[in-house]
Amino acid sequence: MNWYIVKIIYRIISGNGNHTAQFDEQLRLISAANQQAAFEKGNGIGTSEQSDFLNEKKERVTWEFIAVTEVNLVNSLEDGAELYYNIHETGNAALYIETAKHRSDLLANRRVMPISLLK
């Protein structure tokens, strides 16, 4: 068996859908014999995890499976192994770098609450 990173995309629709389109892109670790089997397994997960529920405003929220858009073989599972990459092109390098550093700062300053306090 091999390990694959599979990207599964869902559309999130709240209420009547009169809002900015929202999509959830998930990277899932999949064990499969080959790339086609990983793709099929990803599609099965995507389909089975579609859902509808009511939010706090009593509006229906729908998570609609759209597609599996990527299947990438993971060569090795070891500390520091590359699992995924994406080359991003932009017309504004300074804004991209500023945004990346801001997101990193948010992660660095995040306070983790001990599990015992959450109970």
PDB file of N, CA and C in Angstrom:
ATOM      1  N   MET A   1       0.841  -1.189   0.000  1.00  0.00           N
ATOM      2  CA  MET A   1       0.000   0.000   0.000  1.00  0.00           C
ATOM      3  C   MET A   1       0.881   1.246   0.000  1.00  0.00           C
ATOM      4  N   ASN A   2       0.384   2.294  -0.603  1.00  0.00           N
ATOM      5  CA  ASN A   2       1.067   3.578  -0.666  1.00  0.00           C
ATOM      6  C   ASN A   2       0.236   4.632   0.048  1.00  0.00           C
ATOM      7  N   TRP A   3       0.886   5.739   0.384  1.00  0.00           N
ATOM      8  CA  TRP A   3       0.193   6.874   0.986  1.00  0.00           C
ATOM      9  C   TRP A   3       0.048   7.983  -0.052  1.00  0.00           C
ATOM     10  N   TYR A   4      -1.126   8.609  -0.066  1.00  0.00           N
ATOM     11  CA  TYR A   4      -1.413   9.694  -0.994  1.00  0.00           C
ATOM     12  C   TYR A   4      -2.029  10.868  -0.232  1.00  0.00           C
ATOM     13  N   ILE A   5      -1.753  12.071  -0.724  1.00  0.00           N
ATOM     14  CA  ILE A   5      -2.458  13.267  -0.262  1.00  0.00           C
ATOM     15  C   ILE A   5      -3.524  13.538  -1.318  1.00  0.00           C
ATOM     16  N   VAL A   6      -4.776  13.584  -0.885  1.00  0.00           N
ATOM     17  CA  VAL A   6      -5.903  13.782  -1.791  1.00  0.00           C
ATOM     18  C   VAL A   6      -6.601  15.088  -1.407  1.00  0.00           C
ATOM     19  N   LYS A   7      -6.822  15.963  -2.396  1.00  0.00           N
ATOM     20  CA  LYS A   7      -7.553  17.205  -2.130  1.00  0.00           C
ATOM     21  C   LYS A   7      -9.027  16.998  -2.463  1.00  0.00           C
ATOM     22  N   ILE A   8      -9.868  17.205  -1.449  1.00  0.00           N
ATOM     23  CA  ILE A   8     -11.320  17.071  -1.578  1.00  0.00           C
ATOM     24  C   ILE A   8     -11.923  18.463  -1.412  1.00  0.00           C
ATOM     25  N   ILE A   9     -12.808  18.850  -2.331  1.00  0.00           N
ATOM     26  CA  ILE A   9     -13.423  20.181  -2.274  1.00  0.00           C
ATOM     27  C   ILE A   9     -14.925  20.059  -2.032  1.00  0.00           C
ATOM     28  N   TYR A  10     -15.388  20.857  -1.060  1.00  0.00           N
ATOM     29  CA  TYR A  10     -16.812  20.972  -0.747  1.00  0.00           C
ATOM     30  C   TYR A  10     -17.250  22.417  -0.967  1.00  0.00           C
ATOM     31  N   ARG A  11     -18.480  22.608  -1.379  1.00  0.00           N
ATOM     32  CA  ARG A  11     -19.089  23.939  -1.401  1.00  0.00           C
ATOM     33  C   ARG A  11     -19.955  24.053  -0.160  1.00  0.00           C
ATOM     34  N   ILE A  12     -19.862  25.195   0.511  1.00  0.00           N
ATOM     35  CA  ILE A  12     -20.655  25.445   1.714  1.00  0.00           C
ATOM     36  C   ILE A  12     -21.740  26.452   1.344  1.00  0.00           C
ATOM     37  N   ILE A  13     -22.997  26.034   1.498  1.00  0.00           N
ATOM     38  CA  ILE A  13     -24.131  26.897   1.164  1.00  0.00           C
ATOM     39  C   ILE A  13     -24.948  27.112   2.424  1.00  0.00           C
ATOM     40  N   SER A  14     -25.112  28.374   2.802  1.00  0.00           N
ATOM     41  CA  SER A  14     -25.899  28.721   3.992  1.00  0.00           C
ATOM     42  C   SER A  14     -27.203  29.374   3.559  1.00  0.00           C
ATOM     43  N   GLY A  15     -28.284  28.972   4.215  1.00  0.00           N
ATOM     44  CA  GLY A  15     -29.589  29.561   3.928  1.00  0.00           C
ATOM     45  C   GLY A  15     -29.959  29.383   2.464  1.00  0.00           C
ATOM     46  N   ASN A  16     -30.369  30.492   1.840  1.00  0.00           N
ATOM     47  CA  ASN A  16     -30.783  30.431   0.441  1.00  0.00           C
ATOM     48  C   ASN A  16     -29.595  30.539  -0.522  1.00  0.00           C
ATOM     49  N   GLY A  17     -28.389  30.616   0.018  1.00  0.00           N
ATOM     50  CA  GLY A  17     -27.194  30.675  -0.811  1.00  0.00           C
ATOM     51  C   GLY A  17     -26.864  32.064  -1.322  1.00  0.00           C
ATOM     52  N   ASN A  18     -27.569  33.072  -0.806  1.00  0.00           N
ATOM     53  CA  ASN A  18     -27.344  34.452  -1.229  1.00  0.00           C
ATOM     54  C   ASN A  18     -26.175  35.043  -0.436  1.00  0.00           C
ATOM     55  N   HIS A  19     -24.965  34.546  -0.696  1.00  0.00           N
ATOM     56  CA  HIS A  19     -23.764  35.000  -0.001  1.00  0.00           C
ATOM     57  C   HIS A  19     -22.562  34.723  -0.893  1.00  0.00           C
ATOM     58  N   THR A  20     -21.428  35.252  -0.519  1.00  0.00           N
ATOM     59  CA  THR A  20     -20.199  34.979  -1.252  1.00  0.00           C
ATOM     60  C   THR A  20     -19.951  33.474  -1.251  1.00  0.00           C
ATOM     61  N   ALA A  21     -19.617  32.951  -2.411  1.00  0.00           N
ATOM     62  CA  ALA A  21     -19.399  31.505  -2.529  1.00  0.00           C
ATOM     63  C   ALA A  21     -18.275  31.074  -1.595  1.00  0.00           C
ATOM     64  N   GLN A  22     -18.505  29.971  -0.870  1.00  0.00           N
ATOM     65  CA  GLN A  22     -17.518  29.414   0.051  1.00  0.00           C
ATOM     66  C   GLN A  22     -17.200  27.981  -0.362  1.00  0.00           C
ATOM     67  N   PHE A  23     -15.913  27.676  -0.349  1.00  0.00           N
ATOM     68  CA  PHE A  23     -15.452  26.325  -0.661  1.00  0.00           C
ATOM     69  C   PHE A  23     -14.460  25.887   0.401  1.00  0.00           C
ATOM     70  N   ASP A  24     -14.592  24.648   0.850  1.00  0.00           N
ATOM     71  CA  ASP A  24     -13.663  24.074   1.807  1.00  0.00           C
ATOM     72  C   ASP A  24     -12.771  23.103   1.036  1.00  0.00           C
ATOM     73  N   GLU A  25     -11.454  23.375   1.040  1.00  0.00           N
ATOM     74  CA  GLU A  25     -10.490  22.499   0.391  1.00  0.00           C
ATOM     75  C   GLU A  25      -9.774  21.708   1.481  1.00  0.00           C
ATOM     76  N   GLN A  26      -9.950  20.398   1.467  1.00  0.00           N
ATOM     77  CA  GLN A  26      -9.357  19.542   2.487  1.00  0.00           C
ATOM     78  C   GLN A  26      -8.284  18.659   1.872  1.00  0.00           C
ATOM     79  N   LEU A  27      -7.148  18.549   2.563  1.00  0.00           N
ATOM     80  CA  LEU A  27      -6.109  17.603   2.172  1.00  0.00           C
ATOM     81  C   LEU A  27      -6.230  16.402   3.092  1.00  0.00           C
ATOM     82  N   ARG A  28      -6.440  15.239   2.516  1.00  0.00           N
ATOM     83  CA  ARG A  28      -6.626  14.017   3.288  1.00  0.00           C
ATOM     84  C   ARG A  28      -5.499  13.050   2.992  1.00  0.00           C
ATOM     85  N   LEU A  29      -5.042  12.345   4.024  1.00  0.00           N
ATOM     86  CA  LEU A  29      -4.042  11.295   3.880  1.00  0.00           C
ATOM     87  C   LEU A  29      -4.780   9.983   3.630  1.00  0.00           C
ATOM     88  N   ILE A  30      -4.469   9.336   2.497  1.00  0.00           N
ATOM     89  CA  ILE A  30      -5.187   8.141   2.064  1.00  0.00           C
ATOM     90  C   ILE A  30      -4.196   7.007   1.835  1.00  0.00           C
ATOM     91  N   SER A  31      -4.515   5.827   2.322  1.00  0.00           N
ATOM     92  CA  SER A  31      -3.730   4.629   2.041  1.00  0.00           C
ATOM     93  C   SER A  31      -4.435   3.865   0.926  1.00  0.00           C
ATOM     94  N   ALA A  32      -3.698   3.606  -0.171  1.00  0.00           N
ATOM     95  CA  ALA A  32      -4.300   2.908  -1.306  1.00  0.00           C
ATOM     96  C   ALA A  32      -3.218   2.197  -2.107  1.00  0.00           C
ATOM     97  N   ALA A  33      -3.640   1.233  -2.910  1.00  0.00           N
ATOM     98  CA  ALA A  33      -2.707   0.451  -3.713  1.00  0.00           C
ATOM     99  C   ALA A  33      -2.091   1.274  -4.841  1.00  0.00           C
ATOM    100  N   ASN A  34      -2.871   2.218  -5.399  1.00  0.00           N
ATOM    101  CA  ASN A  34      -2.372   3.022  -6.511  1.00  0.00           C
ATOM    102  C   ASN A  34      -3.143   4.348  -6.571  1.00  0.00           C
ATOM    103  N   GLN A  35      -2.748   5.201  -7.525  1.00  0.00           N
ATOM    104  CA  GLN A  35      -3.340   6.533  -7.625  1.00  0.00           C
ATOM    105  C   GLN A  35      -4.832   6.461  -7.922  1.00  0.00           C
ATOM    106  N   GLN A  36      -5.247   5.560  -8.805  1.00  0.00           N
ATOM    107  CA  GLN A  36      -6.663   5.435  -9.135  1.00  0.00           C
ATOM    108  C   GLN A  36      -7.480   5.011  -7.907  1.00  0.00           C
ATOM    109  N   ALA A  37      -6.952   4.083  -7.135  1.00  0.00           N
ATOM    110  CA  ALA A  37      -7.653   3.641  -5.925  1.00  0.00           C
ATOM    111  C   ALA A  37      -7.741   4.778  -4.908  1.00  0.00           C
ATOM    112  N   ALA A  38      -6.687   5.590  -4.808  1.00  0.00           N
ATOM    113  CA  ALA A  38      -6.711   6.741  -3.900  1.00  0.00           C
ATOM    114  C   ALA A  38      -7.758   7.753  -4.351  1.00  0.00           C
ATOM    115  N   PHE A  39      -7.843   7.993  -5.664  1.00  0.00           N
ATOM    116  CA  PHE A  39      -8.847   8.895  -6.224  1.00  0.00           C
ATOM    117  C   PHE A  39     -10.257   8.402  -5.893  1.00  0.00           C
ATOM    118  N   GLU A  40     -10.493   7.122  -6.109  1.00  0.00           N
ATOM    119  CA  GLU A  40     -11.814   6.545  -5.830  1.00  0.00           C
ATOM    120  C   GLU A  40     -12.143   6.613  -4.343  1.00  0.00           C
ATOM    121  N   LYS A  41     -11.155   6.347  -3.490  1.00  0.00           N
ATOM    122  CA  LYS A  41     -11.369   6.422  -2.044  1.00  0.00           C
ATOM    123  C   LYS A  41     -11.694   7.858  -1.631  1.00  0.00           C
ATOM    124  N   GLY A  42     -10.973   8.828  -2.216  1.00  0.00           N
ATOM    125  CA  GLY A  42     -11.258  10.238  -1.945  1.00  0.00           C
ATOM    126  C   GLY A  42     -12.672  10.623  -2.350  1.00  0.00           C
ATOM    127  N   ASN A  43     -13.119  10.140  -3.502  1.00  0.00           N
ATOM    128  CA  ASN A  43     -14.490  10.402  -3.939  1.00  0.00           C
ATOM    129  C   ASN A  43     -15.506   9.786  -2.983  1.00  0.00           C
ATOM    130  N   GLY A  44     -15.204   8.596  -2.484  1.00  0.00           N
ATOM    131  CA  GLY A  44     -16.096   7.954  -1.513  1.00  0.00           C
ATOM    132  C   GLY A  44     -16.196   8.758  -0.227  1.00  0.00           C
ATOM    133  N   ILE A  45     -15.054   9.263   0.239  1.00  0.00           N
ATOM    134  CA  ILE A  45     -15.053  10.101   1.450  1.00  0.00           C
ATOM    135  C   ILE A  45     -15.847  11.369   1.194  1.00  0.00           C
ATOM    136  N   GLY A  46     -15.581  12.005   0.053  1.00  0.00           N
ATOM    137  CA  GLY A  46     -16.286  13.246  -0.277  1.00  0.00           C
ATOM    138  C   GLY A  46     -17.786  13.069  -0.309  1.00  0.00           C
ATOM    139  N   THR A  47     -18.225  12.009  -0.940  1.00  0.00           N
ATOM    140  CA  THR A  47     -19.662  11.742  -1.035  1.00  0.00           C
ATOM    141  C   THR A  47     -20.257  11.407   0.330  1.00  0.00           C
ATOM    142  N   SER A  48     -19.581  10.574   1.102  1.00  0.00           N
ATOM    143  CA  SER A  48     -20.134  10.127   2.378  1.00  0.00           C
ATOM    144  C   SER A  48     -20.141  11.225   3.441  1.00  0.00           C
ATOM    145  N   GLU A  49     -19.262  12.228   3.285  1.00  0.00           N
ATOM    146  CA  GLU A  49     -19.192  13.276   4.300  1.00  0.00           C
ATOM    147  C   GLU A  49     -19.953  14.550   3.919  1.00  0.00           C
ATOM    148  N   GLN A  50     -20.739  14.497   2.836  1.00  0.00           N
ATOM    149  CA  GLN A  50     -21.637  15.613   2.558  1.00  0.00           C
ATOM    150  C   GLN A  50     -22.630  15.693   3.707  1.00  0.00           C
ATOM    151  N   SER A  51     -23.078  16.904   4.025  1.00  0.00           N
ATOM    152  CA  SER A  51     -24.036  16.978   5.129  1.00  0.00           C
ATOM    153  C   SER A  51     -24.902  18.227   5.025  1.00  0.00           C
ATOM    154  N   ASP A  52     -26.001  18.169   5.737  1.00  0.00           N
ATOM    155  CA  ASP A  52     -26.926  19.290   5.926  1.00  0.00           C
ATOM    156  C   ASP A  52     -27.191  19.400   7.406  1.00  0.00           C
ATOM    157  N   PHE A  53     -27.231  20.630   7.905  1.00  0.00           N
ATOM    158  CA  PHE A  53     -27.568  20.851   9.311  1.00  0.00           C
ATOM    159  C   PHE A  53     -28.105  22.259   9.466  1.00  0.00           C
ATOM    160  N   LEU A  54     -28.683  22.540  10.614  1.00  0.00           N
ATOM    161  CA  LEU A  54     -29.170  23.882  10.912  1.00  0.00           C
ATOM    162  C   LEU A  54     -28.138  24.610  11.750  1.00  0.00           C
ATOM    163  N   ASN A  55     -27.821  25.852  11.358  1.00  0.00           N
ATOM    164  CA  ASN A  55     -26.879  26.650  12.145  1.00  0.00           C
ATOM    165  C   ASN A  55     -27.614  27.332  13.295  1.00  0.00           C
ATOM    166  N   GLU A  56     -26.893  28.179  14.040  1.00  0.00           N
ATOM    167  CA  GLU A  56     -27.492  28.846  15.199  1.00  0.00           C
ATOM    168  C   GLU A  56     -28.628  29.779  14.829  1.00  0.00           C
ATOM    169  N   LYS A  57     -28.707  30.217  13.559  1.00  0.00           N
ATOM    170  CA  LYS A  57     -29.797  31.078  13.077  1.00  0.00           C
ATOM    171  C   LYS A  57     -30.959  30.261  12.524  1.00  0.00           C
ATOM    172  N   LYS A  58     -30.882  28.936  12.690  1.00  0.00           N
ATOM    173  CA  LYS A  58     -31.880  27.993  12.176  1.00  0.00           C
ATOM    174  C   LYS A  58     -31.952  27.996  10.651  1.00  0.00           C
ATOM    175  N   GLU A  59     -30.811  28.357  10.014  1.00  0.00           N
ATOM    176  CA  GLU A  59     -30.713  28.293   8.564  1.00  0.00           C
ATOM    177  C   GLU A  59     -30.062  26.968   8.179  1.00  0.00           C
ATOM    178  N   ARG A  60     -30.522  26.397   7.079  1.00  0.00           N
ATOM    179  CA  ARG A  60     -29.914  25.160   6.604  1.00  0.00           C
ATOM    180  C   ARG A  60     -28.534  25.472   6.042  1.00  0.00           C
ATOM    181  N   VAL A  61     -27.553  24.673   6.438  1.00  0.00           N
ATOM    182  CA  VAL A  61     -26.192  24.753   5.910  1.00  0.00           C
ATOM    183  C   VAL A  61     -25.917  23.433   5.200  1.00  0.00           C
ATOM    184  N   THR A  62     -25.471  23.532   3.961  1.00  0.00           N
ATOM    185  CA  THR A  62     -25.196  22.346   3.159  1.00  0.00           C
ATOM    186  C   THR A  62     -23.720  22.308   2.793  1.00  0.00           C
ATOM    187  N   TRP A  63     -23.089  21.167   3.064  1.00  0.00           N
ATOM    188  CA  TRP A  63     -21.734  20.906   2.603  1.00  0.00           C
ATOM    189  C   TRP A  63     -21.888  19.959   1.418  1.00  0.00           C
ATOM    190  N   GLU A  64     -21.682  20.478   0.211  1.00  0.00           N
ATOM    191  CA  GLU A  64     -21.884  19.726  -1.026  1.00  0.00           C
ATOM    192  C   GLU A  64     -20.526  19.303  -1.596  1.00  0.00           C
ATOM    193  N   PHE A  65     -20.335  18.013  -1.763  1.00  0.00           N
ATOM    194  CA  PHE A  65     -19.104  17.504  -2.348  1.00  0.00           C
ATOM    195  C   PHE A  65     -19.034  17.941  -3.798  1.00  0.00           C
ATOM    196  N   ILE A  66     -17.894  18.544  -4.180  1.00  0.00           N
ATOM    197  CA  ILE A  66     -17.698  18.997  -5.555  1.00  0.00           C
ATOM    198  C   ILE A  66     -16.833  18.014  -6.330  1.00  0.00           C
ATOM    199  N   ALA A  67     -15.624  17.754  -5.824  1.00  0.00           N
ATOM    200  CA  ALA A  67     -14.724  16.892  -6.581  1.00  0.00           C
ATOM    201  C   ALA A  67     -13.454  16.594  -5.789  1.00  0.00           C
ATOM    202  N   VAL A  68     -12.764  15.545  -6.215  1.00  0.00           N
ATOM    203  CA  VAL A  68     -11.370  15.312  -5.826  1.00  0.00           C
ATOM    204  C   VAL A  68     -10.554  15.929  -6.949  1.00  0.00           C
ATOM    205  N   THR A  69      -9.700  16.895  -6.616  1.00  0.00           N
ATOM    206  CA  THR A  69      -8.982  17.624  -7.662  1.00  0.00           C
ATOM    207  C   THR A  69      -7.494  17.308  -7.731  1.00  0.00           C
ATOM    208  N   GLU A  70      -6.949  16.645  -6.727  1.00  0.00           N
ATOM    209  CA  GLU A  70      -5.533  16.301  -6.747  1.00  0.00           C
ATOM    210  C   GLU A  70      -5.310  14.990  -6.004  1.00  0.00           C
ATOM    211  N   VAL A  71      -4.388  14.202  -6.509  1.00  0.00           N
ATOM    212  CA  VAL A  71      -3.930  12.980  -5.840  1.00  0.00           C
ATOM    213  C   VAL A  71      -2.412  12.970  -5.979  1.00  0.00           C
ATOM    214  N   ASN A  72      -1.708  13.052  -4.849  1.00  0.00           N
ATOM    215  CA  ASN A  72      -0.248  13.126  -4.858  1.00  0.00           C
ATOM    216  C   ASN A  72       0.342  12.023  -3.990  1.00  0.00           C
ATOM    217  N   LEU A  73       1.256  11.262  -4.576  1.00  0.00           N
ATOM    218  CA  LEU A  73       1.938  10.196  -3.861  1.00  0.00           C
ATOM    219  C   LEU A  73       2.865  10.789  -2.805  1.00  0.00           C
ATOM    220  N   VAL A  74       2.838  10.220  -1.600  1.00  0.00           N
ATOM    221  CA  VAL A  74       3.767  10.591  -0.536  1.00  0.00           C
ATOM    222  C   VAL A  74       4.889   9.563  -0.583  1.00  0.00           C
ATOM    223  N   ASN A  75       6.098  10.039  -0.837  1.00  0.00           N
ATOM    224  CA  ASN A  75       7.227   9.113  -1.005  1.00  0.00           C
ATOM    225  C   ASN A  75       7.663   8.460   0.292  1.00  0.00           C
ATOM    226  N   SER A  76       7.626   9.224   1.401  1.00  0.00           N
ATOM    227  CA  SER A  76       8.038   8.639   2.673  1.00  0.00           C
ATOM    228  C   SER A  76       7.364   9.382   3.811  1.00  0.00           C
ATOM    229  N   LEU A  77       7.088   8.653   4.880  1.00  0.00           N
ATOM    230  CA  LEU A  77       6.527   9.260   6.080  1.00  0.00           C
ATOM    231  C   LEU A  77       7.639   9.319   7.121  1.00  0.00           C
ATOM    232  N   GLU A  78       8.299  10.462   7.176  1.00  0.00           N
ATOM    233  CA  GLU A  78       9.378  10.667   8.134  1.00  0.00           C
ATOM    234  C   GLU A  78       9.399  12.133   8.516  1.00  0.00           C
ATOM    235  N   ASP A  79      10.050  12.432   9.613  1.00  0.00           N
ATOM    236  CA  ASP A  79      10.121  13.800  10.107  1.00  0.00           C
ATOM    237  C   ASP A  79      10.677  14.723   9.029  1.00  0.00           C
ATOM    238  N   GLY A  80       9.912  15.755   8.692  1.00  0.00           N
ATOM    239  CA  GLY A  80      10.335  16.738   7.704  1.00  0.00           C
ATOM    240  C   GLY A  80      10.042  16.360   6.263  1.00  0.00           C
ATOM    241  N   ALA A  81       9.378  15.229   6.036  1.00  0.00           N
ATOM    242  CA  ALA A  81       9.076  14.806   4.669  1.00  0.00           C
ATOM    243  C   ALA A  81       8.106  15.799   4.021  1.00  0.00           C
ATOM    244  N   GLU A  82       8.339  16.092   2.750  1.00  0.00           N
ATOM    245  CA  GLU A  82       7.438  16.972   2.007  1.00  0.00           C
ATOM    246  C   GLU A  82       6.178  16.191   1.667  1.00  0.00           C
ATOM    247  N   LEU A  83       5.038  16.719   2.067  1.00  0.00           N
ATOM    248  CA  LEU A  83       3.765  16.053   1.807  1.00  0.00           C
ATOM    249  C   LEU A  83       2.995  16.705   0.672  1.00  0.00           C
ATOM    250  N   TYR A  84       3.190  17.998   0.490  1.00  0.00           N
ATOM    251  CA  TYR A  84       2.383  18.710  -0.492  1.00  0.00           C
ATOM    252  C   TYR A  84       3.072  20.015  -0.823  1.00  0.00           C
ATOM    253  N   TYR A  85       2.930  20.462  -2.032  1.00  0.00           N
ATOM    254  CA  TYR A  85       3.395  21.792  -2.383  1.00  0.00           C
ATOM    255  C   TYR A  85       2.473  22.384  -3.437  1.00  0.00           C
ATOM    256  N   ASN A  86       2.484  23.703  -3.525  1.00  0.00           N
ATOM    257  CA  ASN A  86       1.704  24.424  -4.508  1.00  0.00           C
ATOM    258  C   ASN A  86       2.496  25.664  -4.883  1.00  0.00           C
ATOM    259  N   ILE A  87       2.770  25.853  -6.150  1.00  0.00           N
ATOM    260  CA  ILE A  87       3.461  27.052  -6.600  1.00  0.00           C
ATOM    261  C   ILE A  87       2.412  28.109  -6.890  1.00  0.00           C
ATOM    262  N   HIS A  88       2.548  29.237  -6.225  1.00  0.00           N
ATOM    263  CA  HIS A  88       1.558  30.315  -6.331  1.00  0.00           C
ATOM    264  C   HIS A  88       2.177  31.494  -7.078  1.00  0.00           C
ATOM    265  N   GLU A  89       1.552  31.938  -8.143  1.00  0.00           N
ATOM    266  CA  GLU A  89       2.018  33.114  -8.865  1.00  0.00           C
ATOM    267  C   GLU A  89       1.116  34.285  -8.527  1.00  0.00           C
ATOM    268  N   THR A  90       1.724  35.454  -8.348  1.00  0.00           N
ATOM    269  CA  THR A  90       0.947  36.635  -7.994  1.00  0.00           C
ATOM    270  C   THR A  90       1.566  37.870  -8.634  1.00  0.00           C
ATOM    271  N   GLY A  91       0.746  38.846  -8.878  1.00  0.00           N
ATOM    272  CA  GLY A  91       1.228  40.118  -9.399  1.00  0.00           C
ATOM    273  C   GLY A  91       1.739  41.039  -8.314  1.00  0.00           C
ATOM    274  N   ASN A  92       1.522  40.648  -7.040  1.00  0.00           N
ATOM    275  CA  ASN A  92       1.918  41.506  -5.928  1.00  0.00           C
ATOM    276  C   ASN A  92       2.703  40.675  -4.911  1.00  0.00           C
ATOM    277  N   ALA A  93       4.007  40.545  -5.143  1.00  0.00           N
ATOM    278  CA  ALA A  93       4.850  39.728  -4.276  1.00  0.00           C
ATOM    279  C   ALA A  93       4.881  40.257  -2.851  1.00  0.00           C
ATOM    280  N   ALA A  94       4.929  41.573  -2.690  1.00  0.00           N
ATOM    281  CA  ALA A  94       4.999  42.171  -1.353  1.00  0.00           C
ATOM    282  C   ALA A  94       3.757  41.824  -0.535  1.00  0.00           C
ATOM    283  N   LEU A  95       2.579  41.886  -1.146  1.00  0.00           N
ATOM    284  CA  LEU A  95       1.344  41.548  -0.432  1.00  0.00           C
ATOM    285  C   LEU A  95       1.317  40.069  -0.067  1.00  0.00           C
ATOM    286  N   TYR A  96       1.772  39.208  -0.975  1.00  0.00           N
ATOM    287  CA  TYR A  96       1.809  37.780  -0.690  1.00  0.00           C
ATOM    288  C   TYR A  96       2.708  37.498   0.519  1.00  0.00           C
ATOM    289  N   ILE A  97       3.910  38.095   0.520  1.00  0.00           N
ATOM    290  CA  ILE A  97       4.857  37.892   1.628  1.00  0.00           C
ATOM    291  C   ILE A  97       4.296  38.459   2.922  1.00  0.00           C
ATOM    292  N   GLU A  98       3.685  39.626   2.873  1.00  0.00           N
ATOM    293  CA  GLU A  98       3.093  40.240   4.074  1.00  0.00           C
ATOM    294  C   GLU A  98       1.994  39.351   4.646  1.00  0.00           C
ATOM    295  N   THR A  99       1.148  38.832   3.779  1.00  0.00           N
ATOM    296  CA  THR A  99       0.061  37.951   4.220  1.00  0.00           C
ATOM    297  C   THR A  99       0.616  36.668   4.827  1.00  0.00           C
ATOM    298  N   ALA A 100       1.635  36.077   4.200  1.00  0.00           N
ATOM    299  CA  ALA A 100       2.233  34.844   4.718  1.00  0.00           C
ATOM    300  C   ALA A 100       2.848  35.077   6.096  1.00  0.00           C
ATOM    301  N   LYS A 101       3.567  36.190   6.261  1.00  0.00           N
ATOM    302  CA  LYS A 101       4.182  36.486   7.552  1.00  0.00           C
ATOM    303  C   LYS A 101       3.128  36.778   8.615  1.00  0.00           C
ATOM    304  N   HIS A 102       2.045  37.433   8.225  1.00  0.00           N
ATOM    305  CA  HIS A 102       0.961  37.709   9.181  1.00  0.00           C
ATOM    306  C   HIS A 102       0.333  36.398   9.660  1.00  0.00           C
ATOM    307  N   ARG A 103       0.069  35.481   8.737  1.00  0.00           N
ATOM    308  CA  ARG A 103      -0.512  34.192   9.115  1.00  0.00           C
ATOM    309  C   ARG A 103       0.437  33.417  10.021  1.00  0.00           C
ATOM    310  N   SER A 104       1.735  33.494   9.735  1.00  0.00           N
ATOM    311  CA  SER A 104       2.727  32.831  10.573  1.00  0.00           C
ATOM    312  C   SER A 104       2.759  33.433  11.968  1.00  0.00           C
ATOM    313  N   ASP A 105       2.692  34.759  12.044  1.00  0.00           N
ATOM    314  CA  ASP A 105       2.663  35.428  13.349  1.00  0.00           C
ATOM    315  C   ASP A 105       1.446  35.004  14.158  1.00  0.00           C
ATOM    316  N   LEU A 106       0.297  34.883  13.498  1.00  0.00           N
ATOM    317  CA  LEU A 106      -0.915  34.447  14.195  1.00  0.00           C
ATOM    318  C   LEU A 106      -0.729  33.053  14.779  1.00  0.00           C
ATOM    319  N   LEU A 107      -0.101  32.157  14.020  1.00  0.00           N
ATOM    320  CA  LEU A 107       0.156  30.804  14.528  1.00  0.00           C
ATOM    321  C   LEU A 107       1.152  30.822  15.677  1.00  0.00           C
ATOM    322  N   ALA A 108       2.190  31.642  15.555  1.00  0.00           N
ATOM    323  CA  ALA A 108       3.224  31.709  16.594  1.00  0.00           C
ATOM    324  C   ALA A 108       2.676  32.243  17.905  1.00  0.00           C
ATOM    325  N   ASN A 109       1.690  33.127  17.823  1.00  0.00           N
ATOM    326  CA  ASN A 109       1.142  33.762  19.020  1.00  0.00           C
ATOM    327  C   ASN A 109      -0.114  33.089  19.547  1.00  0.00           C
ATOM    328  N   ARG A 110      -0.537  32.025  18.894  1.00  0.00           N
ATOM    329  CA  ARG A 110      -1.742  31.311  19.324  1.00  0.00           C
ATOM    330  C   ARG A 110      -1.487  30.657  20.672  1.00  0.00           C
ATOM    331  N   ARG A 111      -2.390  30.827  21.581  1.00  0.00           N
ATOM    332  CA  ARG A 111      -2.287  30.210  22.908  1.00  0.00           C
ATOM    333  C   ARG A 111      -3.048  28.891  22.886  1.00  0.00           C
ATOM    334  N   VAL A 112      -2.418  27.864  23.332  1.00  0.00           N
ATOM    335  CA  VAL A 112      -3.049  26.549  23.385  1.00  0.00           C
ATOM    336  C   VAL A 112      -3.555  26.323  24.795  1.00  0.00           C
ATOM    337  N   MET A 113      -4.862  26.054  24.902  1.00  0.00           N
ATOM    338  CA  MET A 113      -5.464  25.839  26.207  1.00  0.00           C
ATOM    339  C   MET A 113      -5.343  24.357  26.578  1.00  0.00           C
ATOM    340  N   PRO A 114      -4.885  24.040  27.774  1.00  0.00           N
ATOM    341  CA  PRO A 114      -4.816  22.650  28.190  1.00  0.00           C
ATOM    342  C   PRO A 114      -6.176  21.966  28.104  1.00  0.00           C
ATOM    343  N   ILE A 115      -6.176  20.716  27.678  1.00  0.00           N
ATOM    344  CA  ILE A 115      -7.428  19.959  27.511  1.00  0.00           C
ATOM    345  C   ILE A 115      -8.218  19.930  28.811  1.00  0.00           C
ATOM    346  N   SER A 116      -7.552  19.857  29.948  1.00  0.00           N
ATOM    347  CA  SER A 116      -8.259  19.772  31.232  1.00  0.00           C
ATOM    348  C   SER A 116      -9.132  20.999  31.482  1.00  0.00           C
ATOM    349  N   LEU A 117      -8.771  22.153  30.902  1.00  0.00           N
ATOM    350  CA  LEU A 117      -9.584  23.361  31.085  1.00  0.00           C
ATOM    351  C   LEU A 117     -10.790  23.400  30.168  1.00  0.00           C
ATOM    352  N   LEU A 118     -10.779  22.572  29.136  1.00  0.00           N
ATOM    353  CA  LEU A 118     -11.898  22.555  28.186  1.00  0.00           C
ATOM    354  C   LEU A 118     -13.049  21.701  28.657  1.00  0.00           C
ATOM    355  N   LYS A 119     -12.835  20.862  29.661  1.00  0.00           N
ATOM    356  CA  LYS A 119     -13.881  19.946  30.127  1.00  0.00           C
ATOM    357  C   LYS A 119     -14.812  20.603  31.099  1.00  0.00           C
TER     358      LYS A 119
END
